[in-house]
Amino acid sequence: MDTNPNPPSDSVPGLILDQMRKADRTKKWTADRAGIPETTFRRKLRGGADFTVGEVARIAKALSISPGELLPPEFKKEAAA
């Protein structure tokens, strides 16, 4: 069952939701533009499954941002050093 309606702000779903709010985009609009079925997109935002790298890249493209903006801090180059 989908578990987390409010994901942590530093998780992929939380970062996606934050960027969607900044761009004033709906879940439906973002899912459609990213080529992800809306039910799948909503389930993944709630933590029912993880987003793939390809999905993150398509979401970023839809929102006109870098895919890195949708990744948690541990994926940033500075964190790896």
PDB file of N, CA and C in Angstrom:
ATOM      1  N   MET A   1       0.839  -1.186   0.000  1.00  0.00           N
ATOM      2  CA  MET A   1       0.000   0.000   0.000  1.00  0.00           C
ATOM      3  C   MET A   1       0.880   1.243   0.000  1.00  0.00           C
ATOM      4  N   ASP A   2       0.404   2.303  -0.649  1.00  0.00           N
ATOM      5  CA  ASP A   2       1.133   3.560  -0.669  1.00  0.00           C
ATOM      6  C   ASP A   2       1.161   4.120   0.732  1.00  0.00           C
ATOM      7  N   THR A   3       2.352   4.523   1.170  1.00  0.00           N
ATOM      8  CA  THR A   3       2.513   4.799   2.587  1.00  0.00           C
ATOM      9  C   THR A   3       2.727   6.242   2.983  1.00  0.00           C
ATOM     10  N   ASN A   4       3.343   7.059   2.159  1.00  0.00           N
ATOM     11  CA  ASN A   4       3.805   8.345   2.646  1.00  0.00           C
ATOM     12  C   ASN A   4       3.240   9.518   1.840  1.00  0.00           C
ATOM     13  N   PRO A   5       2.137  10.132   2.312  1.00  0.00           N
ATOM     14  CA  PRO A   5       1.563  11.244   1.561  1.00  0.00           C
ATOM     15  C   PRO A   5       2.439  12.501   1.586  1.00  0.00           C
ATOM     16  N   ASN A   6       3.301  12.629   2.574  1.00  0.00           N
ATOM     17  CA  ASN A   6       4.208  13.779   2.678  1.00  0.00           C
ATOM     18  C   ASN A   6       5.641  13.278   2.788  1.00  0.00           C
ATOM     19  N   PRO A   7       6.270  13.018   1.641  1.00  0.00           N
ATOM     20  CA  PRO A   7       7.626  12.474   1.691  1.00  0.00           C
ATOM     21  C   PRO A   7       8.616  13.491   2.244  1.00  0.00           C
ATOM     22  N   PRO A   8       9.728  13.007   2.799  1.00  0.00           N
ATOM     23  CA  PRO A   8      10.760  13.927   3.292  1.00  0.00           C
ATOM     24  C   PRO A   8      11.215  14.867   2.173  1.00  0.00           C
ATOM     25  N   SER A   9      11.497  16.095   2.527  1.00  0.00           N
ATOM     26  CA  SER A   9      11.849  17.098   1.520  1.00  0.00           C
ATOM     27  C   SER A   9      13.156  16.790   0.806  1.00  0.00           C
ATOM     28  N   ASP A  10      14.018  15.936   1.386  1.00  0.00           N
ATOM     29  CA  ASP A  10      15.280  15.606   0.717  1.00  0.00           C
ATOM     30  C   ASP A  10      15.234  14.253   0.010  1.00  0.00           C
ATOM     31  N   SER A  11      14.024  13.683  -0.138  1.00  0.00           N
ATOM     32  CA  SER A  11      13.867  12.439  -0.889  1.00  0.00           C
ATOM     33  C   SER A  11      13.512  12.785  -2.335  1.00  0.00           C
ATOM     34  N   VAL A  12      13.656  11.830  -3.242  1.00  0.00           N
ATOM     35  CA  VAL A  12      13.312  12.086  -4.641  1.00  0.00           C
ATOM     36  C   VAL A  12      11.855  12.546  -4.762  1.00  0.00           C
ATOM     37  N   PRO A  13      10.878  11.848  -4.156  1.00  0.00           N
ATOM     38  CA  PRO A  13       9.497  12.345  -4.260  1.00  0.00           C
ATOM     39  C   PRO A  13       9.328  13.744  -3.674  1.00  0.00           C
ATOM     40  N   GLY A  14       9.962  14.019  -2.554  1.00  0.00           N
ATOM     41  CA  GLY A  14       9.867  15.339  -1.941  1.00  0.00           C
ATOM     42  C   GLY A  14      10.467  16.422  -2.816  1.00  0.00           C
ATOM     43  N   LEU A  15      11.600  16.120  -3.440  1.00  0.00           N
ATOM     44  CA  LEU A  15      12.249  17.084  -4.330  1.00  0.00           C
ATOM     45  C   LEU A  15      11.418  17.321  -5.588  1.00  0.00           C
ATOM     46  N   ILE A  16      10.813  16.257  -6.108  1.00  0.00           N
ATOM     47  CA  ILE A  16       9.942  16.405  -7.279  1.00  0.00           C
ATOM     48  C   ILE A  16       8.751  17.290  -6.927  1.00  0.00           C
ATOM     49  N   LEU A  17       8.112  17.005  -5.809  1.00  0.00           N
ATOM     50  CA  LEU A  17       6.959  17.817  -5.399  1.00  0.00           C
ATOM     51  C   LEU A  17       7.352  19.276  -5.191  1.00  0.00           C
ATOM     52  N   ASP A  18       8.511  19.511  -4.607  1.00  0.00           N
ATOM     53  CA  ASP A  18       8.983  20.881  -4.387  1.00  0.00           C
ATOM     54  C   ASP A  18       9.187  21.603  -5.718  1.00  0.00           C
ATOM     55  N   GLN A  19       9.807  20.935  -6.670  1.00  0.00           N
ATOM     56  CA  GLN A  19      10.046  21.552  -7.975  1.00  0.00           C
ATOM     57  C   GLN A  19       8.741  21.754  -8.752  1.00  0.00           C
ATOM     58  N   MET A  20       7.805  20.851  -8.571  1.00  0.00           N
ATOM     59  CA  MET A  20       6.493  21.018  -9.205  1.00  0.00           C
ATOM     60  C   MET A  20       5.794  22.259  -8.648  1.00  0.00           C
ATOM     61  N   ARG A  21       5.880  22.447  -7.338  1.00  0.00           N
ATOM     62  CA  ARG A  21       5.276  23.640  -6.717  1.00  0.00           C
ATOM     63  C   ARG A  21       5.937  24.913  -7.241  1.00  0.00           C
ATOM     64  N   LYS A  22       7.268  24.898  -7.328  1.00  0.00           N
ATOM     65  CA  LYS A  22       7.992  26.069  -7.833  1.00  0.00           C
ATOM     66  C   LYS A  22       7.596  26.398  -9.267  1.00  0.00           C
ATOM     67  N   ALA A  23       7.353  25.363 -10.071  1.00  0.00           N
ATOM     68  CA  ALA A  23       6.982  25.557 -11.476  1.00  0.00           C
ATOM     69  C   ALA A  23       5.473  25.725 -11.648  1.00  0.00           C
ATOM     70  N   ASP A  24       4.730  25.623 -10.549  1.00  0.00           N
ATOM     71  CA  ASP A  24       3.272  25.725 -10.578  1.00  0.00           C
ATOM     72  C   ASP A  24       2.664  24.696 -11.537  1.00  0.00           C
ATOM     73  N   ARG A  25       3.102  23.453 -11.392  1.00  0.00           N
ATOM     74  CA  ARG A  25       2.629  22.357 -12.234  1.00  0.00           C
ATOM     75  C   ARG A  25       1.896  21.321 -11.392  1.00  0.00           C
ATOM     76  N   THR A  26       0.889  20.717 -11.980  1.00  0.00           N
ATOM     77  CA  THR A  26       0.103  19.690 -11.295  1.00  0.00           C
ATOM     78  C   THR A  26       0.753  18.320 -11.482  1.00  0.00           C
ATOM     79  N   LYS A  27       0.286  17.380 -10.699  1.00  0.00           N
ATOM     80  CA  LYS A  27       0.759  16.002 -10.847  1.00  0.00           C
ATOM     81  C   LYS A  27       0.373  15.465 -12.215  1.00  0.00           C
ATOM     82  N   LYS A  28      -0.842  15.746 -12.643  1.00  0.00           N
ATOM     83  CA  LYS A  28      -1.294  15.276 -13.953  1.00  0.00           C
ATOM     84  C   LYS A  28      -0.427  15.856 -15.064  1.00  0.00           C
ATOM     85  N   TRP A  29      -0.197  17.167 -15.043  1.00  0.00           N
ATOM     86  CA  TRP A  29       0.603  17.813 -16.079  1.00  0.00           C
ATOM     87  C   TRP A  29       2.007  17.208 -16.107  1.00  0.00           C
ATOM     88  N   THR A  30       2.621  17.078 -14.943  1.00  0.00           N
ATOM     89  CA  THR A  30       3.995  16.565 -14.867  1.00  0.00           C
ATOM     90  C   THR A  30       4.066  15.120 -15.354  1.00  0.00           C
ATOM     91  N   ALA A  31       3.139  14.299 -14.897  1.00  0.00           N
ATOM     92  CA  ALA A  31       3.116  12.900 -15.325  1.00  0.00           C
ATOM     93  C   ALA A  31       2.941  12.799 -16.835  1.00  0.00           C
ATOM     94  N   ASP A  32       1.998  13.562 -17.381  1.00  0.00           N
ATOM     95  CA  ASP A  32       1.761  13.534 -18.827  1.00  0.00           C
ATOM     96  C   ASP A  32       3.003  13.938 -19.599  1.00  0.00           C
ATOM     97  N   ARG A  33       3.628  15.043 -19.201  1.00  0.00           N
ATOM     98  CA  ARG A  33       4.812  15.547 -19.912  1.00  0.00           C
ATOM     99  C   ARG A  33       6.006  14.610 -19.765  1.00  0.00           C
ATOM    100  N   ALA A  34       6.070  13.870 -18.664  1.00  0.00           N
ATOM    101  CA  ALA A  34       7.184  12.945 -18.437  1.00  0.00           C
ATOM    102  C   ALA A  34       6.910  11.563 -19.025  1.00  0.00           C
ATOM    103  N   GLY A  35       5.692  11.360 -19.544  1.00  0.00           N
ATOM    104  CA  GLY A  35       5.364  10.065 -20.137  1.00  0.00           C
ATOM    105  C   GLY A  35       5.185   8.955 -19.121  1.00  0.00           C
ATOM    106  N   ILE A  36       4.716   9.315 -17.930  1.00  0.00           N
ATOM    107  CA  ILE A  36       4.491   8.342 -16.864  1.00  0.00           C
ATOM    108  C   ILE A  36       2.984   8.293 -16.602  1.00  0.00           C
ATOM    109  N   PRO A  37       2.379   7.109 -16.568  1.00  0.00           N
ATOM    110  CA  PRO A  37       0.953   7.062 -16.248  1.00  0.00           C
ATOM    111  C   PRO A  37       0.696   7.789 -14.917  1.00  0.00           C
ATOM    112  N   GLU A  38      -0.369   8.579 -14.882  1.00  0.00           N
ATOM    113  CA  GLU A  38      -0.628   9.395 -13.697  1.00  0.00           C
ATOM    114  C   GLU A  38      -0.766   8.555 -12.432  1.00  0.00           C
ATOM    115  N   THR A  39      -1.413   7.394 -12.524  1.00  0.00           N
ATOM    116  CA  THR A  39      -1.558   6.557 -11.322  1.00  0.00           C
ATOM    117  C   THR A  39      -0.197   6.070 -10.830  1.00  0.00           C
ATOM    118  N   THR A  40       0.684   5.729 -11.750  1.00  0.00           N
ATOM    119  CA  THR A  40       2.043   5.299 -11.387  1.00  0.00           C
ATOM    120  C   THR A  40       2.810   6.454 -10.761  1.00  0.00           C
ATOM    121  N   PHE A  41       2.697   7.634 -11.357  1.00  0.00           N
ATOM    122  CA  PHE A  41       3.381   8.816 -10.857  1.00  0.00           C
ATOM    123  C   PHE A  41       2.935   9.127  -9.431  1.00  0.00           C
ATOM    124  N   ARG A  42       1.633   9.113  -9.198  1.00  0.00           N
ATOM    125  CA  ARG A  42       1.106   9.403  -7.858  1.00  0.00           C
ATOM    126  C   ARG A  42       1.558   8.345  -6.844  1.00  0.00           C
ATOM    127  N   ARG A  43       1.546   7.083  -7.260  1.00  0.00           N
ATOM    128  CA  ARG A  43       1.987   6.004  -6.362  1.00  0.00           C
ATOM    129  C   ARG A  43       3.449   6.190  -5.978  1.00  0.00           C
ATOM    130  N   LYS A  44       4.274   6.551  -6.941  1.00  0.00           N
ATOM    131  CA  LYS A  44       5.693   6.749  -6.667  1.00  0.00           C
ATOM    132  C   LYS A  44       5.928   7.980  -5.795  1.00  0.00           C
ATOM    133  N   LEU A  45       5.138   9.023  -5.981  1.00  0.00           N
ATOM    134  CA  LEU A  45       5.261  10.201  -5.123  1.00  0.00           C
ATOM    135  C   LEU A  45       4.914   9.872  -3.675  1.00  0.00           C
ATOM    136  N   ARG A  46       4.022   8.905  -3.488  1.00  0.00           N
ATOM    137  CA  ARG A  46       3.635   8.497  -2.127  1.00  0.00           C
ATOM    138  C   ARG A  46       4.581   7.455  -1.536  1.00  0.00           C
ATOM    139  N   GLY A  47       5.564   7.032  -2.311  1.00  0.00           N
ATOM    140  CA  GLY A  47       6.531   6.069  -1.794  1.00  0.00           C
ATOM    141  C   GLY A  47       6.183   4.625  -2.055  1.00  0.00           C
ATOM    142  N   GLY A  48       5.197   4.380  -2.924  1.00  0.00           N
ATOM    143  CA  GLY A  48       4.800   3.012  -3.238  1.00  0.00           C
ATOM    144  C   GLY A  48       5.796   2.276  -4.110  1.00  0.00           C
ATOM    145  N   ALA A  49       6.686   3.016  -4.742  1.00  0.00           N
ATOM    146  CA  ALA A  49       7.752   2.453  -5.572  1.00  0.00           C
ATOM    147  C   ALA A  49       8.760   3.574  -5.822  1.00  0.00           C
ATOM    148  N   ASP A  50       9.942   3.196  -6.265  1.00  0.00           N
ATOM    149  CA  ASP A  50      10.982   4.184  -6.546  1.00  0.00           C
ATOM    150  C   ASP A  50      10.882   4.667  -7.990  1.00  0.00           C
ATOM    151  N   PHE A  51      11.298   5.904  -8.218  1.00  0.00           N
ATOM    152  CA  PHE A  51      11.415   6.436  -9.572  1.00  0.00           C
ATOM    153  C   PHE A  51      12.677   5.873 -10.203  1.00  0.00           C
ATOM    154  N   THR A  52      12.620   5.561 -11.494  1.00  0.00           N
ATOM    155  CA  THR A  52      13.818   5.126 -12.209  1.00  0.00           C
ATOM    156  C   THR A  52      14.637   6.358 -12.591  1.00  0.00           C
ATOM    157  N   VAL A  53      15.875   6.128 -12.974  1.00  0.00           N
ATOM    158  CA  VAL A  53      16.739   7.224 -13.423  1.00  0.00           C
ATOM    159  C   VAL A  53      16.126   7.879 -14.661  1.00  0.00           C
ATOM    160  N   GLY A  54      15.604   7.069 -15.563  1.00  0.00           N
ATOM    161  CA  GLY A  54      14.976   7.605 -16.764  1.00  0.00           C
ATOM    162  C   GLY A  54      13.764   8.466 -16.445  1.00  0.00           C
ATOM    163  N   GLU A  55      12.973   8.038 -15.485  1.00  0.00           N
ATOM    164  CA  GLU A  55      11.808   8.828 -15.089  1.00  0.00           C
ATOM    165  C   GLU A  55      12.230  10.165 -14.484  1.00  0.00           C
ATOM    166  N   VAL A  56      13.240  10.126 -13.636  1.00  0.00           N
ATOM    167  CA  VAL A  56      13.734  11.371 -13.027  1.00  0.00           C
ATOM    168  C   VAL A  56      14.216  12.322 -14.130  1.00  0.00           C
ATOM    169  N   ALA A  57      14.910  11.796 -15.117  1.00  0.00           N
ATOM    170  CA  ALA A  57      15.401  12.636 -16.215  1.00  0.00           C
ATOM    171  C   ALA A  57      14.236  13.233 -17.004  1.00  0.00           C
ATOM    172  N   ARG A  58      13.194  12.444 -17.266  1.00  0.00           N
ATOM    173  CA  ARG A  58      12.037  12.954 -18.018  1.00  0.00           C
ATOM    174  C   ARG A  58      11.245  13.972 -17.209  1.00  0.00           C
ATOM    175  N   ILE A  59      11.142  13.759 -15.907  1.00  0.00           N
ATOM    176  CA  ILE A  59      10.451  14.726 -15.037  1.00  0.00           C
ATOM    177  C   ILE A  59      11.220  16.039 -15.033  1.00  0.00           C
ATOM    178  N   ALA A  60      12.535  15.946 -14.909  1.00  0.00           N
ATOM    179  CA  ALA A  60      13.371  17.157 -14.917  1.00  0.00           C
ATOM    180  C   ALA A  60      13.203  17.907 -16.232  1.00  0.00           C
ATOM    181  N   LYS A  61      13.198  17.197 -17.333  1.00  0.00           N
ATOM    182  CA  LYS A  61      13.027  17.832 -18.642  1.00  0.00           C
ATOM    183  C   LYS A  61      11.662  18.526 -18.704  1.00  0.00           C
ATOM    184  N   ALA A  62      10.625  17.860 -18.217  1.00  0.00           N
ATOM    185  CA  ALA A  62       9.280  18.453 -18.218  1.00  0.00           C
ATOM    186  C   ALA A  62       9.242  19.737 -17.400  1.00  0.00           C
ATOM    187  N   LEU A  63       9.999  19.766 -16.307  1.00  0.00           N
ATOM    188  CA  LEU A  63      10.006  20.934 -15.424  1.00  0.00           C
ATOM    189  C   LEU A  63      11.092  21.945 -15.789  1.00  0.00           C
ATOM    190  N   SER A  64      11.836  21.668 -16.848  1.00  0.00           N
ATOM    191  CA  SER A  64      12.917  22.537 -17.333  1.00  0.00           C
ATOM    192  C   SER A  64      13.982  22.800 -16.270  1.00  0.00           C
ATOM    193  N   ILE A  65      14.400  21.715 -15.621  1.00  0.00           N
ATOM    194  CA  ILE A  65      15.455  21.799 -14.615  1.00  0.00           C
ATOM    195  C   ILE A  65      16.473  20.685 -14.864  1.00  0.00           C
ATOM    196  N   SER A  66      17.577  20.745 -14.159  1.00  0.00           N
ATOM    197  CA  SER A  66      18.587  19.696 -14.236  1.00  0.00           C
ATOM    198  C   SER A  66      18.116  18.480 -13.439  1.00  0.00           C
ATOM    199  N   PRO A  67      18.342  17.263 -13.940  1.00  0.00           N
ATOM    200  CA  PRO A  67      17.962  16.080 -13.175  1.00  0.00           C
ATOM    201  C   PRO A  67      18.592  16.052 -11.777  1.00  0.00           C
ATOM    202  N   GLY A  68      19.755  16.660 -11.633  1.00  0.00           N
ATOM    203  CA  GLY A  68      20.422  16.702 -10.333  1.00  0.00           C
ATOM    204  C   GLY A  68      19.606  17.410  -9.267  1.00  0.00           C
ATOM    205  N   GLU A  69      18.726  18.300  -9.682  1.00  0.00           N
ATOM    206  CA  GLU A  69      17.887  19.007  -8.717  1.00  0.00           C
ATOM    207  C   GLU A  69      16.831  18.100  -8.102  1.00  0.00           C
ATOM    208  N   LEU A  70      16.656  16.918  -8.676  1.00  0.00           N
ATOM    209  CA  LEU A  70      15.667  15.968  -8.157  1.00  0.00           C
ATOM    210  C   LEU A  70      16.313  14.825  -7.391  1.00  0.00           C
ATOM    211  N   LEU A  71      17.608  14.930  -7.159  1.00  0.00           N
ATOM    212  CA  LEU A  71      18.321  13.876  -6.436  1.00  0.00           C
ATOM    213  C   LEU A  71      18.699  14.348  -5.041  1.00  0.00           C
ATOM    214  N   PRO A  72      18.651  13.422  -4.063  1.00  0.00           N
ATOM    215  CA  PRO A  72      19.024  13.776  -2.693  1.00  0.00           C
ATOM    216  C   PRO A  72      20.496  14.151  -2.590  1.00  0.00           C
ATOM    217  N   PRO A  73      20.862  14.809  -1.504  1.00  0.00           N
ATOM    218  CA  PRO A  73      22.243  15.303  -1.326  1.00  0.00           C
ATOM    219  C   PRO A  73      23.319  14.223  -1.488  1.00  0.00           C
ATOM    220  N   GLU A  74      23.038  13.002  -1.087  1.00  0.00           N
ATOM    221  CA  GLU A  74      24.076  11.966  -1.179  1.00  0.00           C
ATOM    222  C   GLU A  74      24.454  11.635  -2.612  1.00  0.00           C
ATOM    223  N   PHE A  75      23.699  12.090  -3.592  1.00  0.00           N
ATOM    224  CA  PHE A  75      24.024  11.869  -4.994  1.00  0.00           C
ATOM    225  C   PHE A  75      24.809  13.016  -5.595  1.00  0.00           C
ATOM    226  N   LYS A  76      24.990  14.073  -4.856  1.00  0.00           N
ATOM    227  CA  LYS A  76      25.729  15.240  -5.351  1.00  0.00           C
ATOM    228  C   LYS A  76      27.222  14.955  -5.300  1.00  0.00           C
ATOM    229  N   LYS A  77      27.965  15.546  -6.201  1.00  0.00           N
ATOM    230  CA  LYS A  77      29.407  15.313  -6.296  1.00  0.00           C
ATOM    231  C   LYS A  77      30.109  15.640  -4.980  1.00  0.00           C
ATOM    232  N   GLU A  78      29.711  16.727  -4.334  1.00  0.00           N
ATOM    233  CA  GLU A  78      30.354  17.127  -3.086  1.00  0.00           C
ATOM    234  C   GLU A  78      30.180  16.068  -2.000  1.00  0.00           C
ATOM    235  N   ALA A  79      29.034  15.385  -1.991  1.00  0.00           N
ATOM    236  CA  ALA A  79      28.771  14.365  -0.976  1.00  0.00           C
ATOM    237  C   ALA A  79      29.634  13.139  -1.198  1.00  0.00           C
ATOM    238  N   ALA A  80      29.974  12.864  -2.455  1.00  0.00           N
ATOM    239  CA  ALA A  80      30.758  11.676  -2.774  1.00  0.00           C
ATOM    240  C   ALA A  80      32.225  11.858  -2.408  1.00  0.00           C
ATOM    241  N   ALA A  81      32.684  13.065  -2.320  1.00  0.00           N
ATOM    242  CA  ALA A  81      34.103  13.339  -2.065  1.00  0.00           C
ATOM    243  C   ALA A  81      34.497  13.013  -0.650  1.00  0.00           C
TER     244      ALA A  81
END
